[in-house]
Amino acid sequence: FRHIFAMVFGELDEALTAARRVHRIHTRIHGVI
């Protein structure tokens, strides 16, 4: 929710920073079912 709230309610730079951070975290998350 810290990331979501930064995206929804933050200044534009805060939203963009959160977006890039989440994407970087997601980049490391992969595997197989």
Full PDB file with SEQRES, HELIX, SHEET, SSBOND, CRYST1, ORIGX, SCALE, CONECT and MASTER records, all heavy atoms in Angstrom:
SEQRES   1 A   33  PHE ARG HIS ILE PHE ALA MET VAL PHE GLY GLU LEU ASP          
SEQRES   2 A   33  GLU ALA LEU THR ALA ALA ARG ARG VAL HIS ARG ILE HIS          
SEQRES   3 A   33  THR ARG ILE HIS GLY VAL ILE                                  
HELIX    1 AA1 ARG A    2  PHE A    9  1                                   8    
HELIX    2 AA2 LEU A   12  THR A   27  1                                  16    
CRYST1    1.000    1.000    1.000  90.00  90.00  90.00 P 1           1          
ORIGX1      1.000000  0.000000  0.000000        0.00000                         
ORIGX2      0.000000  1.000000  0.000000        0.00000                         
ORIGX3      0.000000  0.000000  1.000000        0.00000                         
SCALE1      1.000000  0.000000  0.000000        0.00000                         
SCALE2      0.000000  1.000000  0.000000        0.00000                         
SCALE3      0.000000  0.000000  1.000000        0.00000                         
ATOM      1  N   PHE A   1       0.818  -1.214   0.000  1.00  0.00           N  
ATOM      2  CA  PHE A   1       0.000   0.000   0.000  1.00  0.00           C  
ATOM      3  C   PHE A   1       0.851   1.263   0.000  1.00  0.00           C  
ATOM      4  O   PHE A   1       0.404   2.306  -0.491  1.00  0.00           O  
ATOM      5  CB  PHE A   1      -0.982  -0.009   1.169  1.00  0.00           C  
ATOM      6  CG  PHE A   1      -2.248  -0.749   0.850  1.00  0.00           C  
ATOM      7  CD1 PHE A   1      -2.391  -2.085   1.170  1.00  0.00           C  
ATOM      8  CD2 PHE A   1      -3.276  -0.120   0.175  1.00  0.00           C  
ATOM      9  CE1 PHE A   1      -3.547  -2.774   0.842  1.00  0.00           C  
ATOM     10  CE2 PHE A   1      -4.433  -0.790  -0.160  1.00  0.00           C  
ATOM     11  CZ  PHE A   1      -4.577  -2.124   0.171  1.00  0.00           C  
ATOM     12  N   ARG A   2       2.064   1.186   0.509  1.00  0.00           N  
ATOM     13  CA  ARG A   2       2.955   2.347   0.413  1.00  0.00           C  
ATOM     14  C   ARG A   2       3.218   2.690  -1.050  1.00  0.00           C  
ATOM     15  O   ARG A   2       3.168   3.857  -1.444  1.00  0.00           O  
ATOM     16  CB  ARG A   2       4.267   2.059   1.137  1.00  0.00           C  
ATOM     17  CG  ARG A   2       5.163   3.301   1.298  1.00  0.00           C  
ATOM     18  CD  ARG A   2       6.441   2.954   2.027  1.00  0.00           C  
ATOM     19  NE  ARG A   2       6.185   2.324   3.300  1.00  0.00           N  
ATOM     20  CZ  ARG A   2       6.663   1.137   3.685  1.00  0.00           C  
ATOM     21  NH1 ARG A   2       7.433   0.445   2.868  1.00  0.00           N  
ATOM     22  NH2 ARG A   2       6.395   0.644   4.872  1.00  0.00           N  
ATOM     23  N   HIS A   3       3.449   1.679  -1.866  1.00  0.00           N  
ATOM     24  CA  HIS A   3       3.669   1.907  -3.295  1.00  0.00           C  
ATOM     25  C   HIS A   3       2.382   2.396  -3.979  1.00  0.00           C  
ATOM     26  O   HIS A   3       2.413   3.340  -4.772  1.00  0.00           O  
ATOM     27  CB  HIS A   3       4.152   0.622  -3.970  1.00  0.00           C  
ATOM     28  CG  HIS A   3       5.535   0.203  -3.577  1.00  0.00           C  
ATOM     29  ND1 HIS A   3       6.605   1.077  -3.535  1.00  0.00           N  
ATOM     30  CD2 HIS A   3       6.037  -1.005  -3.217  1.00  0.00           C  
ATOM     31  CE1 HIS A   3       7.690   0.439  -3.161  1.00  0.00           C  
ATOM     32  NE2 HIS A   3       7.377  -0.835  -2.963  1.00  0.00           N  
ATOM     33  N   ILE A   4       1.271   1.746  -3.667  1.00  0.00           N  
ATOM     34  CA  ILE A   4       0.004   2.126  -4.301  1.00  0.00           C  
ATOM     35  C   ILE A   4      -0.360   3.566  -3.963  1.00  0.00           C  
ATOM     36  O   ILE A   4      -0.756   4.349  -4.836  1.00  0.00           O  
ATOM     37  CB  ILE A   4      -1.122   1.164  -3.871  1.00  0.00           C  
ATOM     38  CG1 ILE A   4      -0.897  -0.214  -4.502  1.00  0.00           C  
ATOM     39  CG2 ILE A   4      -2.491   1.717  -4.272  1.00  0.00           C  
ATOM     40  CD1 ILE A   4      -1.875  -1.273  -4.023  1.00  0.00           C  
ATOM     41  N   PHE A   5      -0.232   3.938  -2.691  1.00  0.00           N  
ATOM     42  CA  PHE A   5      -0.596   5.292  -2.289  1.00  0.00           C  
ATOM     43  C   PHE A   5       0.342   6.330  -2.907  1.00  0.00           C  
ATOM     44  O   PHE A   5      -0.087   7.445  -3.248  1.00  0.00           O  
ATOM     45  CB  PHE A   5      -0.603   5.412  -0.762  1.00  0.00           C  
ATOM     46  CG  PHE A   5      -1.712   4.650  -0.098  1.00  0.00           C  
ATOM     47  CD1 PHE A   5      -1.587   4.202   1.209  1.00  0.00           C  
ATOM     48  CD2 PHE A   5      -2.882   4.358  -0.780  1.00  0.00           C  
ATOM     49  CE1 PHE A   5      -2.605   3.505   1.828  1.00  0.00           C  
ATOM     50  CE2 PHE A   5      -3.914   3.650  -0.172  1.00  0.00           C  
ATOM     51  CZ  PHE A   5      -3.775   3.227   1.133  1.00  0.00           C  
ATOM     52  N   ALA A   6       1.621   5.993  -3.059  1.00  0.00           N  
ATOM     53  CA  ALA A   6       2.541   6.913  -3.732  1.00  0.00           C  
ATOM     54  C   ALA A   6       2.118   7.114  -5.184  1.00  0.00           C  
ATOM     55  O   ALA A   6       2.193   8.227  -5.717  1.00  0.00           O  
ATOM     56  CB  ALA A   6       3.964   6.373  -3.671  1.00  0.00           C  
ATOM     57  N   MET A   7       1.651   6.066  -5.824  1.00  0.00           N  
ATOM     58  CA  MET A   7       1.231   6.163  -7.218  1.00  0.00           C  
ATOM     59  C   MET A   7      -0.070   6.960  -7.365  1.00  0.00           C  
ATOM     60  O   MET A   7      -0.199   7.797  -8.261  1.00  0.00           O  
ATOM     61  CB  MET A   7       1.030   4.761  -7.799  1.00  0.00           C  
ATOM     62  CG  MET A   7       2.304   3.954  -7.949  1.00  0.00           C  
ATOM     63  SD  MET A   7       1.910   2.264  -8.511  1.00  0.00           S  
ATOM     64  CE  MET A   7       3.560   1.578  -8.703  1.00  0.00           C  
ATOM     65  N   VAL A   8      -1.028   6.704  -6.492  1.00  0.00           N  
ATOM     66  CA  VAL A   8      -2.346   7.319  -6.618  1.00  0.00           C  
ATOM     67  C   VAL A   8      -2.383   8.737  -6.066  1.00  0.00           C  
ATOM     68  O   VAL A   8      -3.005   9.629  -6.656  1.00  0.00           O  
ATOM     69  CB  VAL A   8      -3.413   6.452  -5.925  1.00  0.00           C  
ATOM     70  CG1 VAL A   8      -4.773   7.155  -5.909  1.00  0.00           C  
ATOM     71  CG2 VAL A   8      -3.535   5.096  -6.631  1.00  0.00           C  
ATOM     72  N   PHE A   9      -1.723   8.967  -4.926  1.00  0.00           N  
ATOM     73  CA  PHE A   9      -1.836  10.256  -4.235  1.00  0.00           C  
ATOM     74  C   PHE A   9      -0.561  11.097  -4.258  1.00  0.00           C  
ATOM     75  O   PHE A   9      -0.596  12.271  -3.885  1.00  0.00           O  
ATOM     76  CB  PHE A   9      -2.247  10.034  -2.774  1.00  0.00           C  
ATOM     77  CG  PHE A   9      -3.581   9.378  -2.605  1.00  0.00           C  
ATOM     78  CD1 PHE A   9      -3.677   8.066  -2.152  1.00  0.00           C  
ATOM     79  CD2 PHE A   9      -4.748  10.046  -2.923  1.00  0.00           C  
ATOM     80  CE1 PHE A   9      -4.901   7.443  -2.001  1.00  0.00           C  
ATOM     81  CE2 PHE A   9      -5.991   9.440  -2.773  1.00  0.00           C  
ATOM     82  CZ  PHE A   9      -6.067   8.133  -2.309  1.00  0.00           C  
ATOM     83  N   GLY A  10       0.554  10.519  -4.677  1.00  0.00           N  
ATOM     84  CA  GLY A  10       1.803  11.259  -4.644  1.00  0.00           C  
ATOM     85  C   GLY A  10       1.943  12.264  -5.771  1.00  0.00           C  
ATOM     86  O   GLY A  10       1.170  12.262  -6.738  1.00  0.00           O  
ATOM     87  N   GLU A  11       2.925  13.157  -5.628  1.00  0.00           N  
ATOM     88  CA  GLU A  11       3.283  14.025  -6.747  1.00  0.00           C  
ATOM     89  C   GLU A  11       3.755  13.154  -7.905  1.00  0.00           C  
ATOM     90  O   GLU A  11       4.084  11.976  -7.739  1.00  0.00           O  
ATOM     91  CB  GLU A  11       4.378  14.998  -6.322  1.00  0.00           C  
ATOM     92  CG  GLU A  11       3.947  15.991  -5.259  1.00  0.00           C  
ATOM     93  CD  GLU A  11       5.018  17.036  -4.979  1.00  0.00           C  
ATOM     94  OE1 GLU A  11       5.928  17.199  -5.819  1.00  0.00           O  
ATOM     95  OE2 GLU A  11       4.941  17.683  -3.925  1.00  0.00           O  
ATOM     96  N   LEU A  12       3.811  13.741  -9.078  1.00  0.00           N  
ATOM     97  CA  LEU A  12       4.149  12.965 -10.264  1.00  0.00           C  
ATOM     98  C   LEU A  12       5.479  12.232 -10.095  1.00  0.00           C  
ATOM     99  O   LEU A  12       5.588  11.040 -10.402  1.00  0.00           O  
ATOM    100  CB  LEU A  12       4.190  13.860 -11.501  1.00  0.00           C  
ATOM    101  CG  LEU A  12       4.534  13.158 -12.820  1.00  0.00           C  
ATOM    102  CD1 LEU A  12       3.526  12.058 -13.132  1.00  0.00           C  
ATOM    103  CD2 LEU A  12       4.604  14.174 -13.951  1.00  0.00           C  
ATOM    104  N   ASP A  13       6.493  12.911  -9.587  1.00  0.00           N  
ATOM    105  CA  ASP A  13       7.801  12.268  -9.423  1.00  0.00           C  
ATOM    106  C   ASP A  13       7.726  11.088  -8.451  1.00  0.00           C  
ATOM    107  O   ASP A  13       8.407  10.071  -8.652  1.00  0.00           O  
ATOM    108  CB  ASP A  13       8.838  13.277  -8.928  1.00  0.00           C  
ATOM    109  CG  ASP A  13       9.341  14.188 -10.043  1.00  0.00           C  
ATOM    110  OD1 ASP A  13       9.076  13.866 -11.223  1.00  0.00           O  
ATOM    111  OD2 ASP A  13       9.988  15.202  -9.736  1.00  0.00           O  
ATOM    112  N   GLU A  14       6.928  11.224  -7.392  1.00  0.00           N  
ATOM    113  CA  GLU A  14       6.761  10.116  -6.446  1.00  0.00           C  
ATOM    114  C   GLU A  14       6.108   8.920  -7.125  1.00  0.00           C  
ATOM    115  O   GLU A  14       6.509   7.765  -6.906  1.00  0.00           O  
ATOM    116  CB  GLU A  14       5.906  10.556  -5.260  1.00  0.00           C  
ATOM    117  CG  GLU A  14       6.534  11.578  -4.335  1.00  0.00           C  
ATOM    118  CD  GLU A  14       5.578  11.955  -3.225  1.00  0.00           C  
ATOM    119  OE1 GLU A  14       5.502  11.212  -2.221  1.00  0.00           O  
ATOM    120  OE2 GLU A  14       4.885  12.976  -3.355  1.00  0.00           O  
ATOM    121  N   ALA A  15       5.096   9.194  -7.938  1.00  0.00           N  
ATOM    122  CA  ALA A  15       4.405   8.114  -8.640  1.00  0.00           C  
ATOM    123  C   ALA A  15       5.339   7.392  -9.600  1.00  0.00           C  
ATOM    124  O   ALA A  15       5.352   6.158  -9.677  1.00  0.00           O  
ATOM    125  CB  ALA A  15       3.189   8.671  -9.391  1.00  0.00           C  
ATOM    126  N   LEU A  16       6.145   8.165 -10.325  1.00  0.00           N  
ATOM    127  CA  LEU A  16       7.072   7.564 -11.288  1.00  0.00           C  
ATOM    128  C   LEU A  16       8.158   6.760 -10.578  1.00  0.00           C  
ATOM    129  O   LEU A  16       8.541   5.674 -11.033  1.00  0.00           O  
ATOM    130  CB  LEU A  16       7.703   8.651 -12.149  1.00  0.00           C  
ATOM    131  CG  LEU A  16       6.740   9.488 -13.003  1.00  0.00           C  
ATOM    132  CD1 LEU A  16       7.516  10.547 -13.776  1.00  0.00           C  
ATOM    133  CD2 LEU A  16       5.931   8.612 -13.956  1.00  0.00           C  
ATOM    134  N   THR A  17       8.640   7.290  -9.453  1.00  0.00           N  
ATOM    135  CA  THR A  17       9.668   6.571  -8.684  1.00  0.00           C  
ATOM    136  C   THR A  17       9.125   5.244  -8.179  1.00  0.00           C  
ATOM    137  O   THR A  17       9.797   4.203  -8.255  1.00  0.00           O  
ATOM    138  CB  THR A  17      10.147   7.429  -7.507  1.00  0.00           C  
ATOM    139  OG1 THR A  17      10.772   8.617  -8.014  1.00  0.00           O  
ATOM    140  CG2 THR A  17      11.138   6.665  -6.638  1.00  0.00           C  
ATOM    141  N   ALA A  18       7.901   5.262  -7.650  1.00  0.00           N  
ATOM    142  CA  ALA A  18       7.281   4.025  -7.160  1.00  0.00           C  
ATOM    143  C   ALA A  18       7.075   3.040  -8.296  1.00  0.00           C  
ATOM    144  O   ALA A  18       7.296   1.830  -8.137  1.00  0.00           O  
ATOM    145  CB  ALA A  18       5.945   4.343  -6.478  1.00  0.00           C  
ATOM    146  N   ALA A  19       6.648   3.544  -9.460  1.00  0.00           N  
ATOM    147  CA  ALA A  19       6.422   2.670 -10.610  1.00  0.00           C  
ATOM    148  C   ALA A  19       7.700   1.960 -11.028  1.00  0.00           C  
ATOM    149  O   ALA A  19       7.714   0.748 -11.279  1.00  0.00           O  
ATOM    150  CB  ALA A  19       5.858   3.479 -11.774  1.00  0.00           C  
ATOM    151  N   ARG A  20       8.781   2.715 -11.100  1.00  0.00           N  
ATOM    152  CA  ARG A  20      10.061   2.118 -11.512  1.00  0.00           C  
ATOM    153  C   ARG A  20      10.576   1.142 -10.457  1.00  0.00           C  
ATOM    154  O   ARG A  20      11.139   0.097 -10.795  1.00  0.00           O  
ATOM    155  CB  ARG A  20      11.082   3.233 -11.768  1.00  0.00           C  
ATOM    156  CG  ARG A  20      10.742   4.071 -13.005  1.00  0.00           C  
ATOM    157  CD  ARG A  20      11.738   5.195 -13.220  1.00  0.00           C  
ATOM    158  NE  ARG A  20      11.437   5.919 -14.448  1.00  0.00           N  
ATOM    159  CZ  ARG A  20      11.149   7.223 -14.506  1.00  0.00           C  
ATOM    160  NH1 ARG A  20      11.137   7.956 -13.392  1.00  0.00           N  
ATOM    161  NH2 ARG A  20      10.875   7.804 -15.664  1.00  0.00           N  
ATOM    162  N   ARG A  21      10.369   1.452  -9.205  1.00  0.00           N  
ATOM    163  CA  ARG A  21      10.826   0.560  -8.144  1.00  0.00           C  
ATOM    164  C   ARG A  21      10.059  -0.762  -8.194  1.00  0.00           C  
ATOM    165  O   ARG A  21      10.670  -1.843  -8.115  1.00  0.00           O  
ATOM    166  CB  ARG A  21      10.643   1.222  -6.776  1.00  0.00           C  
ATOM    167  CG  ARG A  21      10.991   0.306  -5.616  1.00  0.00           C  
ATOM    168  CD  ARG A  21      10.985   1.033  -4.285  1.00  0.00           C  
ATOM    169  NE  ARG A  21      11.143   0.111  -3.179  1.00  0.00           N  
ATOM    170  CZ  ARG A  21      12.279  -0.485  -2.833  1.00  0.00           C  
ATOM    171  NH1 ARG A  21      13.378  -0.241  -3.507  1.00  0.00           N  
ATOM    172  NH2 ARG A  21      12.325  -1.314  -1.801  1.00  0.00           N  
ATOM    173  N   VAL A  22       8.758  -0.688  -8.334  1.00  0.00           N  
ATOM    174  CA  VAL A  22       7.947  -1.914  -8.403  1.00  0.00           C  
ATOM    175  C   VAL A  22       8.355  -2.750  -9.607  1.00  0.00           C  
ATOM    176  O   VAL A  22       8.490  -3.978  -9.520  1.00  0.00           O  
ATOM    177  CB  VAL A  22       6.448  -1.568  -8.455  1.00  0.00           C  
ATOM    178  CG1 VAL A  22       5.616  -2.800  -8.806  1.00  0.00           C  
ATOM    179  CG2 VAL A  22       5.985  -0.989  -7.122  1.00  0.00           C  
ATOM    180  N   HIS A  23       8.586  -2.099 -10.740  1.00  0.00           N  
ATOM    181  CA  HIS A  23       8.981  -2.836 -11.939  1.00  0.00           C  
ATOM    182  C   HIS A  23      10.326  -3.545 -11.726  1.00  0.00           C  
ATOM    183  O   HIS A  23      10.499  -4.708 -12.123  1.00  0.00           O  
ATOM    184  CB  HIS A  23       9.067  -1.898 -13.149  1.00  0.00           C  
ATOM    185  CG  HIS A  23       9.345  -2.616 -14.432  1.00  0.00           C  
ATOM    186  ND1 HIS A  23      10.623  -2.883 -14.870  1.00  0.00           N  
ATOM    187  CD2 HIS A  23       8.505  -3.144 -15.358  1.00  0.00           C  
ATOM    188  CE1 HIS A  23      10.558  -3.532 -16.020  1.00  0.00           C  
ATOM    189  NE2 HIS A  23       9.299  -3.705 -16.336  1.00  0.00           N  
ATOM    190  N   ARG A  24      11.269  -2.858 -11.091  1.00  0.00           N  
ATOM    191  CA  ARG A  24      12.579  -3.478 -10.838  1.00  0.00           C  
ATOM    192  C   ARG A  24      12.449  -4.693  -9.924  1.00  0.00           C  
ATOM    193  O   ARG A  24      13.088  -5.727 -10.145  1.00  0.00           O  
ATOM    194  CB  ARG A  24      13.547  -2.459 -10.219  1.00  0.00           C  
ATOM    195  CG  ARG A  24      14.089  -1.439 -11.201  1.00  0.00           C  
ATOM    196  CD  ARG A  24      15.301  -0.717 -10.616  1.00  0.00           C  
ATOM    197  NE  ARG A  24      15.003  -0.032  -9.366  1.00  0.00           N  
ATOM    198  CZ  ARG A  24      14.554   1.204  -9.278  1.00  0.00           C  
ATOM    199  NH1 ARG A  24      14.331   1.920 -10.379  1.00  0.00           N  
ATOM    200  NH2 ARG A  24      14.326   1.765  -8.087  1.00  0.00           N  
ATOM    201  N   ILE A  25      11.621  -4.555  -8.895  1.00  0.00           N  
ATOM    202  CA  ILE A  25      11.389  -5.694  -7.998  1.00  0.00           C  
ATOM    203  C   ILE A  25      10.780  -6.857  -8.775  1.00  0.00           C  
ATOM    204  O   ILE A  25      11.203  -8.008  -8.654  1.00  0.00           O  
ATOM    205  CB  ILE A  25      10.472  -5.278  -6.826  1.00  0.00           C  
ATOM    206  CG1 ILE A  25      11.188  -4.269  -5.915  1.00  0.00           C  
ATOM    207  CG2 ILE A  25      10.027  -6.498  -6.030  1.00  0.00           C  
ATOM    208  CD1 ILE A  25      10.289  -3.634  -4.881  1.00  0.00           C  
ATOM    209  N   HIS A  26       9.781  -6.544  -9.600  1.00  0.00           N  
ATOM    210  CA  HIS A  26       9.104  -7.582 -10.382  1.00  0.00           C  
ATOM    211  C   HIS A  26      10.047  -8.264 -11.366  1.00  0.00           C  
ATOM    212  O   HIS A  26       9.869  -9.449 -11.680  1.00  0.00           O  
ATOM    213  CB  HIS A  26       7.924  -6.974 -11.146  1.00  0.00           C  
ATOM    214  CG  HIS A  26       6.734  -6.716 -10.287  1.00  0.00           C  
ATOM    215  ND1 HIS A  26       5.564  -6.137 -10.777  1.00  0.00           N  
ATOM    216  CD2 HIS A  26       6.503  -6.953  -8.966  1.00  0.00           C  
ATOM    217  CE1 HIS A  26       4.690  -6.033  -9.795  1.00  0.00           C  
ATOM    218  NE2 HIS A  26       5.230  -6.522  -8.698  1.00  0.00           N  
ATOM    219  N   THR A  27      11.026  -7.541 -11.861  1.00  0.00           N  
ATOM    220  CA  THR A  27      11.961  -8.115 -12.834  1.00  0.00           C  
ATOM    221  C   THR A  27      12.686  -9.334 -12.275  1.00  0.00           C  
ATOM    222  O   THR A  27      13.027 -10.268 -13.010  1.00  0.00           O  
ATOM    223  CB  THR A  27      12.980  -7.047 -13.279  1.00  0.00           C  
ATOM    224  OG1 THR A  27      12.278  -5.968 -13.906  1.00  0.00           O  
ATOM    225  CG2 THR A  27      13.976  -7.614 -14.276  1.00  0.00           C  
ATOM    226  N   ARG A  28      12.893  -9.335 -10.967  1.00  0.00           N  
ATOM    227  CA  ARG A  28      13.614 -10.441 -10.331  1.00  0.00           C  
ATOM    228  C   ARG A  28      12.711 -11.633 -10.016  1.00  0.00           C  
ATOM    229  O   ARG A  28      13.192 -12.674  -9.565  1.00  0.00           O  
ATOM    230  CB  ARG A  28      14.272  -9.945  -9.034  1.00  0.00           C  
ATOM    231  CG  ARG A  28      15.241  -8.784  -9.232  1.00  0.00           C  
ATOM    232  CD  ARG A  28      16.067  -8.551  -7.976  1.00  0.00           C  
ATOM    233  NE  ARG A  28      15.268  -8.103  -6.851  1.00  0.00           N  
ATOM    234  CZ  ARG A  28      15.056  -6.820  -6.527  1.00  0.00           C  
ATOM    235  NH1 ARG A  28      15.562  -5.859  -7.299  1.00  0.00           N  
ATOM    236  NH2 ARG A  28      14.349  -6.488  -5.469  1.00  0.00           N  
ATOM    237  N   ILE A  29      11.410 -11.459 -10.218  1.00  0.00           N  
ATOM    238  CA  ILE A  29      10.456 -12.486  -9.803  1.00  0.00           C  
ATOM    239  C   ILE A  29       9.978 -13.265 -11.023  1.00  0.00           C  
ATOM    240  O   ILE A  29       9.138 -12.796 -11.805  1.00  0.00           O  
ATOM    241  CB  ILE A  29       9.262 -11.840  -9.067  1.00  0.00           C  
ATOM    242  CG1 ILE A  29       9.754 -11.095  -7.819  1.00  0.00           C  
ATOM    243  CG2 ILE A  29       8.219 -12.893  -8.701  1.00  0.00           C  
ATOM    244  CD1 ILE A  29       8.680 -10.301  -7.111  1.00  0.00           C  
ATOM    245  N   HIS A  30      10.507 -14.437 -11.206  1.00  0.00           N  
ATOM    246  CA  HIS A  30      10.090 -15.294 -12.320  1.00  0.00           C  
ATOM    247  C   HIS A  30      10.419 -16.742 -11.973  1.00  0.00           C  
ATOM    248  O   HIS A  30      11.236 -17.022 -11.075  1.00  0.00           O  
ATOM    249  CB  HIS A  30      10.783 -14.874 -13.621  1.00  0.00           C  
ATOM    250  CG  HIS A  30      12.268 -14.756 -13.514  1.00  0.00           C  
ATOM    251  ND1 HIS A  30      13.121 -15.834 -13.630  1.00  0.00           N  
ATOM    252  CD2 HIS A  30      13.067 -13.674 -13.257  1.00  0.00           C  
ATOM    253  CE1 HIS A  30      14.369 -15.427 -13.475  1.00  0.00           C  
ATOM    254  NE2 HIS A  30      14.379 -14.120 -13.236  1.00  0.00           N  
ATOM    255  N   GLY A  31       9.768 -17.658 -12.634  1.00  0.00           N  
ATOM    256  CA  GLY A  31       9.961 -19.070 -12.359  1.00  0.00           C  
ATOM    257  C   GLY A  31       8.969 -19.889 -13.151  1.00  0.00           C  
ATOM    258  O   GLY A  31       8.519 -19.464 -14.224  1.00  0.00           O  
ATOM    259  N   VAL A  32       8.591 -21.061 -12.639  1.00  0.00           N  
ATOM    260  CA  VAL A  32       7.608 -21.903 -13.322  1.00  0.00           C  
ATOM    261  C   VAL A  32       6.551 -22.355 -12.323  1.00  0.00           C  
ATOM    262  O   VAL A  32       6.820 -22.517 -11.127  1.00  0.00           O  
ATOM    263  CB  VAL A  32       8.256 -23.135 -13.985  1.00  0.00           C  
ATOM    264  CG1 VAL A  32       9.227 -22.717 -15.073  1.00  0.00           C  
ATOM    265  CG2 VAL A  32       8.940 -24.020 -12.951  1.00  0.00           C  
ATOM    266  N   ILE A  33       5.341 -22.547 -12.815  1.00  0.00           N  
ATOM    267  CA  ILE A  33       4.261 -23.125 -12.018  1.00  0.00           C  
ATOM    268  C   ILE A  33       4.533 -24.629 -11.922  1.00  0.00           C  
ATOM    269  O   ILE A  33       4.603 -25.307 -12.951  1.00  0.00           O  
ATOM    270  CB  ILE A  33       2.896 -22.836 -12.670  1.00  0.00           C  
ATOM    271  CG1 ILE A  33       2.639 -21.321 -12.688  1.00  0.00           C  
ATOM    272  CG2 ILE A  33       1.775 -23.561 -11.926  1.00  0.00           C  
ATOM    273  CD1 ILE A  33       1.390 -20.907 -13.437  1.00  0.00           C  
TER     274      ILE A  33                                                      
MASTER        0    0    0    2    0    0    0    6  273    1    0    3          
END                                                                             
